[in-house]
Amino acid sequence: MISFSLDLSQLWAFMMIFFIGLLIGFSYFGGLWLTLCYLPKVNHPYRLIISSFVLRSLMTVLCFYGLIRLFLGIETGIIMLMAMAGWLLARMILVRRLVSQVISVK
């Protein structure tokens, strides 16, 4: 039988990782939303799409790497799992909020 013990410092670290993942997700998907809103106003939309994708992806990867380096005492898989859970929750929150906003405008 596998036993898993969790002390208070690890619990705080997991909550912090989840919260940072949530912030990374809000910045990634918020940046995507701003890019899509600004798209009709530019002369070369493909440049905006590509540069936005590269910047958002680079920021996300660097932040995830920073999380791994910051929490060296915790296994990498657990760090990524908690951060990705926060990242995906941010996506679900923004999608629900922004879709209802777009529907109410029409």
PDB file of N, CA and C in Angstrom:
ATOM      1  N   MET A   1       0.837  -1.185   0.000  1.00  0.00           N
ATOM      2  CA  MET A   1       0.000   0.000   0.000  1.00  0.00           C
ATOM      3  C   MET A   1       0.879   1.245   0.000  1.00  0.00           C
ATOM      4  N   ILE A   2       0.499   2.195  -0.814  1.00  0.00           N
ATOM      5  CA  ILE A   2       1.256   3.437  -0.925  1.00  0.00           C
ATOM      6  C   ILE A   2       0.691   4.438   0.068  1.00  0.00           C
ATOM      7  N   SER A   3       1.568   5.013   0.864  1.00  0.00           N
ATOM      8  CA  SER A   3       1.099   6.046   1.788  1.00  0.00           C
ATOM      9  C   SER A   3       1.616   7.394   1.295  1.00  0.00           C
ATOM     10  N   PHE A   4       0.791   8.380   1.433  1.00  0.00           N
ATOM     11  CA  PHE A   4       1.139   9.719   0.990  1.00  0.00           C
ATOM     12  C   PHE A   4       0.882  10.666   2.139  1.00  0.00           C
ATOM     13  N   SER A   5       1.932  11.241   2.669  1.00  0.00           N
ATOM     14  CA  SER A   5       1.762  12.200   3.757  1.00  0.00           C
ATOM     15  C   SER A   5       2.048  13.600   3.228  1.00  0.00           C
ATOM     16  N   LEU A   6       1.274  14.519   3.689  1.00  0.00           N
ATOM     17  CA  LEU A   6       1.364  15.894   3.215  1.00  0.00           C
ATOM     18  C   LEU A   6       1.457  16.807   4.427  1.00  0.00           C
ATOM     19  N   ASP A   7       2.560  17.504   4.552  1.00  0.00           N
ATOM     20  CA  ASP A   7       2.662  18.443   5.664  1.00  0.00           C
ATOM     21  C   ASP A   7       2.184  19.825   5.214  1.00  0.00           C
ATOM     22  N   LEU A   8       2.101  20.722   6.157  1.00  0.00           N
ATOM     23  CA  LEU A   8       1.515  22.038   5.895  1.00  0.00           C
ATOM     24  C   LEU A   8       2.336  22.847   4.889  1.00  0.00           C
ATOM     25  N   SER A   9       3.655  22.730   4.934  1.00  0.00           N
ATOM     26  CA  SER A   9       4.486  23.498   4.000  1.00  0.00           C
ATOM     27  C   SER A   9       4.280  23.010   2.562  1.00  0.00           C
ATOM     28  N   GLN A  10       4.104  21.707   2.376  1.00  0.00           N
ATOM     29  CA  GLN A  10       3.842  21.194   1.035  1.00  0.00           C
ATOM     30  C   GLN A  10       2.464  21.617   0.543  1.00  0.00           C
ATOM     31  N   LEU A  11       1.496  21.651   1.452  1.00  0.00           N
ATOM     32  CA  LEU A  11       0.159  22.100   1.075  1.00  0.00           C
ATOM     33  C   LEU A  11       0.189  23.550   0.608  1.00  0.00           C
ATOM     34  N   TRP A  12       0.914  24.406   1.336  1.00  0.00           N
ATOM     35  CA  TRP A  12       1.043  25.806   0.928  1.00  0.00           C
ATOM     36  C   TRP A  12       1.753  25.917  -0.414  1.00  0.00           C
ATOM     37  N   ALA A  13       2.772  25.082  -0.626  1.00  0.00           N
ATOM     38  CA  ALA A  13       3.496  25.104  -1.902  1.00  0.00           C
ATOM     39  C   ALA A  13       2.572  24.686  -3.042  1.00  0.00           C
ATOM     40  N   PHE A  14       1.755  23.648  -2.833  1.00  0.00           N
ATOM     41  CA  PHE A  14       0.821  23.215  -3.872  1.00  0.00           C
ATOM     42  C   PHE A  14      -0.197  24.300  -4.182  1.00  0.00           C
ATOM     43  N   MET A  15      -0.699  24.962  -3.153  1.00  0.00           N
ATOM     44  CA  MET A  15      -1.658  26.050  -3.373  1.00  0.00           C
ATOM     45  C   MET A  15      -1.011  27.206  -4.121  1.00  0.00           C
ATOM     46  N   MET A  16       0.241  27.510  -3.778  1.00  0.00           N
ATOM     47  CA  MET A  16       0.962  28.585  -4.455  1.00  0.00           C
ATOM     48  C   MET A  16       1.194  28.228  -5.923  1.00  0.00           C
ATOM     49  N   ILE A  17       1.588  26.993  -6.197  1.00  0.00           N
ATOM     50  CA  ILE A  17       1.809  26.554  -7.578  1.00  0.00           C
ATOM     51  C   ILE A  17       0.507  26.632  -8.373  1.00  0.00           C
ATOM     52  N   PHE A  18      -0.590  26.186  -7.771  1.00  0.00           N
ATOM     53  CA  PHE A  18      -1.893  26.245  -8.442  1.00  0.00           C
ATOM     54  C   PHE A  18      -2.268  27.693  -8.743  1.00  0.00           C
ATOM     55  N   PHE A  19      -2.073  28.594  -7.788  1.00  0.00           N
ATOM     56  CA  PHE A  19      -2.414  30.003  -7.973  1.00  0.00           C
ATOM     57  C   PHE A  19      -1.545  30.635  -9.061  1.00  0.00           C
ATOM     58  N   ILE A  20      -0.261  30.317  -9.080  1.00  0.00           N
ATOM     59  CA  ILE A  20       0.624  30.850 -10.118  1.00  0.00           C
ATOM     60  C   ILE A  20       0.210  30.309 -11.482  1.00  0.00           C
ATOM     61  N   GLY A  21      -0.168  29.029 -11.546  1.00  0.00           N
ATOM     62  CA  GLY A  21      -0.677  28.464 -12.795  1.00  0.00           C
ATOM     63  C   GLY A  21      -1.938  29.170 -13.249  1.00  0.00           C
ATOM     64  N   LEU A  22      -2.783  29.542 -12.301  1.00  0.00           N
ATOM     65  CA  LEU A  22      -3.998  30.295 -12.611  1.00  0.00           C
ATOM     66  C   LEU A  22      -3.646  31.656 -13.211  1.00  0.00           C
ATOM     67  N   LEU A  23      -2.672  32.339 -12.627  1.00  0.00           N
ATOM     68  CA  LEU A  23      -2.241  33.636 -13.159  1.00  0.00           C
ATOM     69  C   LEU A  23      -1.621  33.502 -14.543  1.00  0.00           C
ATOM     70  N   ILE A  24      -0.831  32.449 -14.752  1.00  0.00           N
ATOM     71  CA  ILE A  24      -0.238  32.213 -16.069  1.00  0.00           C
ATOM     72  C   ILE A  24      -1.351  31.979 -17.096  1.00  0.00           C
ATOM     73  N   GLY A  25      -2.358  31.208 -16.717  1.00  0.00           N
ATOM     74  CA  GLY A  25      -3.472  30.944 -17.617  1.00  0.00           C
ATOM     75  C   GLY A  25      -4.265  32.197 -17.945  1.00  0.00           C
ATOM     76  N   PHE A  26      -4.516  33.028 -16.929  1.00  0.00           N
ATOM     77  CA  PHE A  26      -5.239  34.273 -17.194  1.00  0.00           C
ATOM     78  C   PHE A  26      -4.454  35.170 -18.142  1.00  0.00           C
ATOM     79  N   SER A  27      -3.140  35.240 -17.970  1.00  0.00           N
ATOM     80  CA  SER A  27      -2.359  36.091 -18.866  1.00  0.00           C
ATOM     81  C   SER A  27      -2.296  35.497 -20.267  1.00  0.00           C
ATOM     82  N   TYR A  28      -2.187  34.170 -20.381  1.00  0.00           N
ATOM     83  CA  TYR A  28      -2.128  33.538 -21.703  1.00  0.00           C
ATOM     84  C   TYR A  28      -3.445  33.720 -22.462  1.00  0.00           C
ATOM     85  N   PHE A  29      -4.543  33.325 -21.843  1.00  0.00           N
ATOM     86  CA  PHE A  29      -5.822  33.379 -22.532  1.00  0.00           C
ATOM     87  C   PHE A  29      -6.379  34.801 -22.601  1.00  0.00           C
ATOM     88  N   GLY A  30      -6.037  35.650 -21.645  1.00  0.00           N
ATOM     89  CA  GLY A  30      -6.399  37.062 -21.748  1.00  0.00           C
ATOM     90  C   GLY A  30      -5.672  37.722 -22.903  1.00  0.00           C
ATOM     91  N   GLY A  31      -4.402  37.368 -23.087  1.00  0.00           N
ATOM     92  CA  GLY A  31      -3.645  37.874 -24.231  1.00  0.00           C
ATOM     93  C   GLY A  31      -4.223  37.395 -25.554  1.00  0.00           C
ATOM     94  N   LEU A  32      -4.694  36.156 -25.563  1.00  0.00           N
ATOM     95  CA  LEU A  32      -5.344  35.632 -26.771  1.00  0.00           C
ATOM     96  C   LEU A  32      -6.612  36.414 -27.075  1.00  0.00           C
ATOM     97  N   TRP A  33      -7.392  36.702 -26.050  1.00  0.00           N
ATOM     98  CA  TRP A  33      -8.621  37.458 -26.251  1.00  0.00           C
ATOM     99  C   TRP A  33      -8.325  38.871 -26.757  1.00  0.00           C
ATOM    100  N   LEU A  34      -7.314  39.516 -26.181  1.00  0.00           N
ATOM    101  CA  LEU A  34      -6.947  40.856 -26.648  1.00  0.00           C
ATOM    102  C   LEU A  34      -6.459  40.822 -28.090  1.00  0.00           C
ATOM    103  N   THR A  35      -5.721  39.779 -28.445  1.00  0.00           N
ATOM    104  CA  THR A  35      -5.263  39.633 -29.830  1.00  0.00           C
ATOM    105  C   THR A  35      -6.447  39.514 -30.773  1.00  0.00           C
ATOM    106  N   LEU A  36      -7.421  38.698 -30.420  1.00  0.00           N
ATOM    107  CA  LEU A  36      -8.584  38.521 -31.283  1.00  0.00           C
ATOM    108  C   LEU A  36      -9.419  39.792 -31.382  1.00  0.00           C
ATOM    109  N   CYS A  37      -9.503  40.553 -30.306  1.00  0.00           N
ATOM    110  CA  CYS A  37     -10.248  41.815 -30.355  1.00  0.00           C
ATOM    111  C   CYS A  37      -9.545  42.860 -31.220  1.00  0.00           C
ATOM    112  N   TYR A  38      -8.221  42.840 -31.217  1.00  0.00           N
ATOM    113  CA  TYR A  38      -7.444  43.831 -31.951  1.00  0.00           C
ATOM    114  C   TYR A  38      -7.249  43.443 -33.418  1.00  0.00           C
ATOM    115  N   LEU A  39      -7.547  42.217 -33.763  1.00  0.00           N
ATOM    116  CA  LEU A  39      -7.293  41.675 -35.108  1.00  0.00           C
ATOM    117  C   LEU A  39      -7.929  42.474 -36.248  1.00  0.00           C
ATOM    118  N   PRO A  40      -9.197  42.912 -36.145  1.00  0.00           N
ATOM    119  CA  PRO A  40      -9.791  43.654 -37.264  1.00  0.00           C
ATOM    120  C   PRO A  40      -9.174  45.032 -37.490  1.00  0.00           C
ATOM    121  N   LYS A  41      -8.400  45.526 -36.550  1.00  0.00           N
ATOM    122  CA  LYS A  41      -7.882  46.885 -36.642  1.00  0.00           C
ATOM    123  C   LYS A  41      -6.489  46.980 -37.254  1.00  0.00           C
ATOM    124  N   VAL A  42      -5.859  45.851 -37.572  1.00  0.00           N
ATOM    125  CA  VAL A  42      -4.482  45.880 -38.072  1.00  0.00           C
ATOM    126  C   VAL A  42      -4.446  45.591 -39.570  1.00  0.00           C
ATOM    127  N   ASN A  43      -3.368  46.062 -40.208  1.00  0.00           N
ATOM    128  CA  ASN A  43      -3.210  45.845 -41.653  1.00  0.00           C
ATOM    129  C   ASN A  43      -2.706  44.446 -41.977  1.00  0.00           C
ATOM    130  N   HIS A  44      -1.866  43.885 -41.120  1.00  0.00           N
ATOM    131  CA  HIS A  44      -1.281  42.565 -41.348  1.00  0.00           C
ATOM    132  C   HIS A  44      -1.647  41.653 -40.186  1.00  0.00           C
ATOM    133  N   PRO A  45      -2.831  41.050 -40.232  1.00  0.00           N
ATOM    134  CA  PRO A  45      -3.280  40.254 -39.080  1.00  0.00           C
ATOM    135  C   PRO A  45      -2.432  39.016 -38.819  1.00  0.00           C
ATOM    136  N   TYR A  46      -1.841  38.437 -39.849  1.00  0.00           N
ATOM    137  CA  TYR A  46      -1.033  37.238 -39.633  1.00  0.00           C
ATOM    138  C   TYR A  46       0.198  37.550 -38.773  1.00  0.00           C
ATOM    139  N   ARG A  47       0.769  38.738 -38.932  1.00  0.00           N
ATOM    140  CA  ARG A  47       1.905  39.129 -38.083  1.00  0.00           C
ATOM    141  C   ARG A  47       1.482  39.231 -36.623  1.00  0.00           C
ATOM    142  N   LEU A  48       0.319  39.803 -36.393  1.00  0.00           N
ATOM    143  CA  LEU A  48      -0.186  39.913 -35.031  1.00  0.00           C
ATOM    144  C   LEU A  48      -0.449  38.538 -34.427  1.00  0.00           C
ATOM    145  N   ILE A  49      -1.052  37.659 -35.185  1.00  0.00           N
ATOM    146  CA  ILE A  49      -1.363  36.314 -34.683  1.00  0.00           C
ATOM    147  C   ILE A  49      -0.081  35.560 -34.339  1.00  0.00           C
ATOM    148  N   ILE A  50       0.887  35.591 -35.241  1.00  0.00           N
ATOM    149  CA  ILE A  50       2.130  34.847 -35.021  1.00  0.00           C
ATOM    150  C   ILE A  50       2.921  35.436 -33.856  1.00  0.00           C
ATOM    151  N   SER A  51       3.064  36.751 -33.832  1.00  0.00           N
ATOM    152  CA  SER A  51       3.843  37.364 -32.746  1.00  0.00           C
ATOM    153  C   SER A  51       3.155  37.180 -31.400  1.00  0.00           C
ATOM    154  N   SER A  52       1.843  37.266 -31.368  1.00  0.00           N
ATOM    155  CA  SER A  52       1.116  37.053 -30.126  1.00  0.00           C
ATOM    156  C   SER A  52       1.286  35.619 -29.640  1.00  0.00           C
ATOM    157  N   PHE A  53       1.171  34.651 -30.553  1.00  0.00           N
ATOM    158  CA  PHE A  53       1.339  33.253 -30.179  1.00  0.00           C
ATOM    159  C   PHE A  53       2.741  32.979 -29.641  1.00  0.00           C
ATOM    160  N   VAL A  54       3.746  33.512 -30.327  1.00  0.00           N
ATOM    161  CA  VAL A  54       5.125  33.283 -29.893  1.00  0.00           C
ATOM    162  C   VAL A  54       5.364  33.904 -28.520  1.00  0.00           C
ATOM    163  N   LEU A  55       4.918  35.128 -28.314  1.00  0.00           N
ATOM    164  CA  LEU A  55       5.122  35.792 -27.020  1.00  0.00           C
ATOM    165  C   LEU A  55       4.356  35.106 -25.888  1.00  0.00           C
ATOM    166  N   ARG A  56       3.103  34.751 -26.138  1.00  0.00           N
ATOM    167  CA  ARG A  56       2.320  34.082 -25.103  1.00  0.00           C
ATOM    168  C   ARG A  56       2.889  32.709 -24.770  1.00  0.00           C
ATOM    169  N   SER A  57       3.303  31.964 -25.785  1.00  0.00           N
ATOM    170  CA  SER A  57       3.869  30.633 -25.554  1.00  0.00           C
ATOM    171  C   SER A  57       5.204  30.712 -24.836  1.00  0.00           C
ATOM    172  N   LEU A  58       6.042  31.642 -25.253  1.00  0.00           N
ATOM    173  CA  LEU A  58       7.335  31.818 -24.606  1.00  0.00           C
ATOM    174  C   LEU A  58       7.171  32.205 -23.143  1.00  0.00           C
ATOM    175  N   MET A  59       6.238  33.118 -22.867  1.00  0.00           N
ATOM    176  CA  MET A  59       5.990  33.526 -21.491  1.00  0.00           C
ATOM    177  C   MET A  59       5.503  32.344 -20.652  1.00  0.00           C
ATOM    178  N   THR A  60       4.608  31.534 -21.208  1.00  0.00           N
ATOM    179  CA  THR A  60       4.063  30.400 -20.483  1.00  0.00           C
ATOM    180  C   THR A  60       5.136  29.362 -20.189  1.00  0.00           C
ATOM    181  N   VAL A  61       5.938  29.026 -21.184  1.00  0.00           N
ATOM    182  CA  VAL A  61       6.993  28.032 -20.985  1.00  0.00           C
ATOM    183  C   VAL A  61       8.023  28.526 -19.973  1.00  0.00           C
ATOM    184  N   LEU A  62       8.408  29.791 -20.071  1.00  0.00           N
ATOM    185  CA  LEU A  62       9.375  30.332 -19.115  1.00  0.00           C
ATOM    186  C   LEU A  62       8.818  30.370 -17.694  1.00  0.00           C
ATOM    187  N   CYS A  63       7.552  30.686 -17.552  1.00  0.00           N
ATOM    188  CA  CYS A  63       6.941  30.696 -16.221  1.00  0.00           C
ATOM    189  C   CYS A  63       6.855  29.287 -15.642  1.00  0.00           C
ATOM    190  N   PHE A  64       6.492  28.307 -16.461  1.00  0.00           N
ATOM    191  CA  PHE A  64       6.454  26.928 -15.982  1.00  0.00           C
ATOM    192  C   PHE A  64       7.855  26.447 -15.600  1.00  0.00           C
ATOM    193  N   TYR A  65       8.840  26.820 -16.394  1.00  0.00           N
ATOM    194  CA  TYR A  65      10.218  26.460 -16.070  1.00  0.00           C
ATOM    195  C   TYR A  65      10.647  27.141 -14.765  1.00  0.00           C
ATOM    196  N   GLY A  66      10.254  28.392 -14.600  1.00  0.00           N
ATOM    197  CA  GLY A  66      10.564  29.101 -13.352  1.00  0.00           C
ATOM    198  C   GLY A  66       9.921  28.435 -12.150  1.00  0.00           C
ATOM    199  N   LEU A  67       8.706  27.933 -12.316  1.00  0.00           N
ATOM    200  CA  LEU A  67       8.059  27.203 -11.226  1.00  0.00           C
ATOM    201  C   LEU A  67       8.852  25.962 -10.837  1.00  0.00           C
ATOM    202  N   ILE A  68       9.334  25.239 -11.833  1.00  0.00           N
ATOM    203  CA  ILE A  68      10.106  24.035 -11.557  1.00  0.00           C
ATOM    204  C   ILE A  68      11.391  24.390 -10.823  1.00  0.00           C
ATOM    205  N   ARG A  69      12.035  25.466 -11.235  1.00  0.00           N
ATOM    206  CA  ARG A  69      13.280  25.881 -10.580  1.00  0.00           C
ATOM    207  C   ARG A  69      13.018  26.444  -9.187  1.00  0.00           C
ATOM    208  N   LEU A  70      11.882  27.090  -8.991  1.00  0.00           N
ATOM    209  CA  LEU A  70      11.567  27.699  -7.700  1.00  0.00           C
ATOM    210  C   LEU A  70      11.247  26.649  -6.639  1.00  0.00           C
ATOM    211  N   PHE A  71      10.524  25.621  -7.025  1.00  0.00           N
ATOM    212  CA  PHE A  71      10.117  24.579  -6.087  1.00  0.00           C
ATOM    213  C   PHE A  71      10.926  23.311  -6.345  1.00  0.00           C
ATOM    214  N   LEU A  72      12.215  23.371  -6.065  1.00  0.00           N
ATOM    215  CA  LEU A  72      13.103  22.247  -6.348  1.00  0.00           C
ATOM    216  C   LEU A  72      12.840  21.040  -5.456  1.00  0.00           C
ATOM    217  N   GLY A  73      12.272  21.229  -4.284  1.00  0.00           N
ATOM    218  CA  GLY A  73      12.048  20.125  -3.363  1.00  0.00           C
ATOM    219  C   GLY A  73      10.853  19.262  -3.713  1.00  0.00           C
ATOM    220  N   ILE A  74      10.051  19.693  -4.675  1.00  0.00           N
ATOM    221  CA  ILE A  74       8.836  18.964  -5.042  1.00  0.00           C
ATOM    222  C   ILE A  74       9.069  18.303  -6.394  1.00  0.00           C
ATOM    223  N   GLU A  75       8.507  17.125  -6.569  1.00  0.00           N
ATOM    224  CA  GLU A  75       8.670  16.402  -7.822  1.00  0.00           C
ATOM    225  C   GLU A  75       8.104  17.224  -8.990  1.00  0.00           C
ATOM    226  N   THR A  76       8.811  17.190 -10.110  1.00  0.00           N
ATOM    227  CA  THR A  76       8.461  17.993 -11.285  1.00  0.00           C
ATOM    228  C   THR A  76       7.073  17.669 -11.812  1.00  0.00           C
ATOM    229  N   GLY A  77       6.696  16.400 -11.815  1.00  0.00           N
ATOM    230  CA  GLY A  77       5.383  16.018 -12.324  1.00  0.00           C
ATOM    231  C   GLY A  77       4.255  16.615 -11.512  1.00  0.00           C
ATOM    232  N   ILE A  78       4.423  16.663 -10.206  1.00  0.00           N
ATOM    233  CA  ILE A  78       3.391  17.251  -9.340  1.00  0.00           C
ATOM    234  C   ILE A  78       3.302  18.754  -9.573  1.00  0.00           C
ATOM    235  N   ILE A  79       4.448  19.401  -9.746  1.00  0.00           N
ATOM    236  CA  ILE A  79       4.448  20.842 -10.024  1.00  0.00           C
ATOM    237  C   ILE A  79       3.697  21.124 -11.317  1.00  0.00           C
ATOM    238  N   MET A  80       3.998  20.367 -12.358  1.00  0.00           N
ATOM    239  CA  MET A  80       3.343  20.593 -13.644  1.00  0.00           C
ATOM    240  C   MET A  80       1.852  20.274 -13.577  1.00  0.00           C
ATOM    241  N   LEU A  81       1.498  19.235 -12.835  1.00  0.00           N
ATOM    242  CA  LEU A  81       0.086  18.878 -12.687  1.00  0.00           C
ATOM    243  C   LEU A  81      -0.691  19.994 -11.998  1.00  0.00           C
ATOM    244  N   MET A  82      -0.158  20.528 -10.925  1.00  0.00           N
ATOM    245  CA  MET A  82      -0.842  21.604 -10.202  1.00  0.00           C
ATOM    246  C   MET A  82      -0.902  22.884 -11.040  1.00  0.00           C
ATOM    247  N   ALA A  83       0.203  23.218 -11.707  1.00  0.00           N
ATOM    248  CA  ALA A  83       0.226  24.435 -12.526  1.00  0.00           C
ATOM    249  C   ALA A  83      -0.722  24.319 -13.723  1.00  0.00           C
ATOM    250  N   MET A  84      -0.745  23.156 -14.352  1.00  0.00           N
ATOM    251  CA  MET A  84      -1.644  22.963 -15.489  1.00  0.00           C
ATOM    252  C   MET A  84      -3.115  22.968 -15.051  1.00  0.00           C
ATOM    253  N   ALA A  85      -3.384  22.467 -13.847  1.00  0.00           N
ATOM    254  CA  ALA A  85      -4.758  22.522 -13.334  1.00  0.00           C
ATOM    255  C   ALA A  85      -5.200  23.974 -13.173  1.00  0.00           C
ATOM    256  N   GLY A  86      -4.343  24.821 -12.633  1.00  0.00           N
ATOM    257  CA  GLY A  86      -4.659  26.242 -12.519  1.00  0.00           C
ATOM    258  C   GLY A  86      -4.787  26.907 -13.872  1.00  0.00           C
ATOM    259  N   TRP A  87      -3.913  26.536 -14.798  1.00  0.00           N
ATOM    260  CA  TRP A  87      -3.933  27.091 -16.157  1.00  0.00           C
ATOM    261  C   TRP A  87      -5.244  26.747 -16.860  1.00  0.00           C
ATOM    262  N   LEU A  88      -5.673  25.501 -16.732  1.00  0.00           N
ATOM    263  CA  LEU A  88      -6.925  25.081 -17.371  1.00  0.00           C
ATOM    264  C   LEU A  88      -8.154  25.680 -16.692  1.00  0.00           C
ATOM    265  N   LEU A  89      -8.087  25.857 -15.374  1.00  0.00           N
ATOM    266  CA  LEU A  89      -9.196  26.515 -14.683  1.00  0.00           C
ATOM    267  C   LEU A  89      -9.335  27.958 -15.164  1.00  0.00           C
ATOM    268  N   ALA A  90      -8.224  28.636 -15.375  1.00  0.00           N
ATOM    269  CA  ALA A  90      -8.270  30.004 -15.908  1.00  0.00           C
ATOM    270  C   ALA A  90      -8.923  30.021 -17.284  1.00  0.00           C
ATOM    271  N   ARG A  91      -8.613  29.029 -18.103  1.00  0.00           N
ATOM    272  CA  ARG A  91      -9.229  28.927 -19.424  1.00  0.00           C
ATOM    273  C   ARG A  91     -10.736  28.755 -19.311  1.00  0.00           C
ATOM    274  N   MET A  92     -11.162  27.859 -18.430  1.00  0.00           N
ATOM    275  CA  MET A  92     -12.605  27.621 -18.278  1.00  0.00           C
ATOM    276  C   MET A  92     -13.313  28.867 -17.763  1.00  0.00           C
ATOM    277  N   ILE A  93     -12.709  29.575 -16.824  1.00  0.00           N
ATOM    278  CA  ILE A  93     -13.322  30.788 -16.280  1.00  0.00           C
ATOM    279  C   ILE A  93     -13.439  31.857 -17.376  1.00  0.00           C
ATOM    280  N   LEU A  94     -12.354  32.080 -18.109  1.00  0.00           N
ATOM    281  CA  LEU A  94     -12.391  33.114 -19.151  1.00  0.00           C
ATOM    282  C   LEU A  94     -13.342  32.758 -20.282  1.00  0.00           C
ATOM    283  N   VAL A  95     -13.368  31.497 -20.688  1.00  0.00           N
ATOM    284  CA  VAL A  95     -14.284  31.098 -21.760  1.00  0.00           C
ATOM    285  C   VAL A  95     -15.728  31.322 -21.337  1.00  0.00           C
ATOM    286  N   ARG A  96     -16.054  30.891 -20.136  1.00  0.00           N
ATOM    287  CA  ARG A  96     -17.432  31.072 -19.656  1.00  0.00           C
ATOM    288  C   ARG A  96     -17.801  32.545 -19.555  1.00  0.00           C
ATOM    289  N   ARG A  97     -16.883  33.350 -19.044  1.00  0.00           N
ATOM    290  CA  ARG A  97     -17.166  34.770 -18.855  1.00  0.00           C
ATOM    291  C   ARG A  97     -17.240  35.514 -20.193  1.00  0.00           C
ATOM    292  N   LEU A  98     -16.289  35.247 -21.081  1.00  0.00           N
ATOM    293  CA  LEU A  98     -16.237  35.991 -22.336  1.00  0.00           C
ATOM    294  C   LEU A  98     -17.312  35.543 -23.312  1.00  0.00           C
ATOM    295  N   VAL A  99     -17.676  34.278 -23.313  1.00  0.00           N
ATOM    296  CA  VAL A  99     -18.751  33.813 -24.196  1.00  0.00           C
ATOM    297  C   VAL A  99     -20.077  34.443 -23.775  1.00  0.00           C
ATOM    298  N   SER A 100     -20.322  34.509 -22.472  1.00  0.00           N
ATOM    299  CA  SER A 100     -21.560  35.143 -22.022  1.00  0.00           C
ATOM    300  C   SER A 100     -21.562  36.651 -22.347  1.00  0.00           C
ATOM    301  N   GLN A 101     -20.379  37.265 -22.335  1.00  0.00           N
ATOM    302  CA  GLN A 101     -20.271  38.667 -22.699  1.00  0.00           C
ATOM    303  C   GLN A 101     -20.582  38.869 -24.188  1.00  0.00           C
ATOM    304  N   VAL A 102     -20.058  38.011 -25.036  1.00  0.00           N
ATOM    305  CA  VAL A 102     -20.276  38.125 -26.474  1.00  0.00           C
ATOM    306  C   VAL A 102     -21.745  37.850 -26.816  1.00  0.00           C
ATOM    307  N   ILE A 103     -22.344  36.884 -26.157  1.00  0.00           N
ATOM    308  CA  ILE A 103     -23.756  36.562 -26.412  1.00  0.00           C
ATOM    309  C   ILE A 103     -24.661  37.711 -25.974  1.00  0.00           C
ATOM    310  N   SER A 104     -24.330  38.365 -24.853  1.00  0.00           N
ATOM    311  CA  SER A 104     -25.174  39.462 -24.375  1.00  0.00           C
ATOM    312  C   SER A 104     -25.041  40.701 -25.259  1.00  0.00           C
ATOM    313  N   VAL A 105     -23.934  40.849 -25.975  1.00  0.00           N
ATOM    314  CA  VAL A 105     -23.740  41.998 -26.865  1.00  0.00           C
ATOM    315  C   VAL A 105     -24.582  41.861 -28.114  1.00  0.00           C
ATOM    316  N   LYS A 106     -24.743  40.636 -28.603  1.00  0.00           N
ATOM    317  CA  LYS A 106     -25.506  40.418 -29.849  1.00  0.00           C
ATOM    318  C   LYS A 106     -26.958  40.610 -29.685  1.00  0.00           C
TER     319      LYS A 106
END
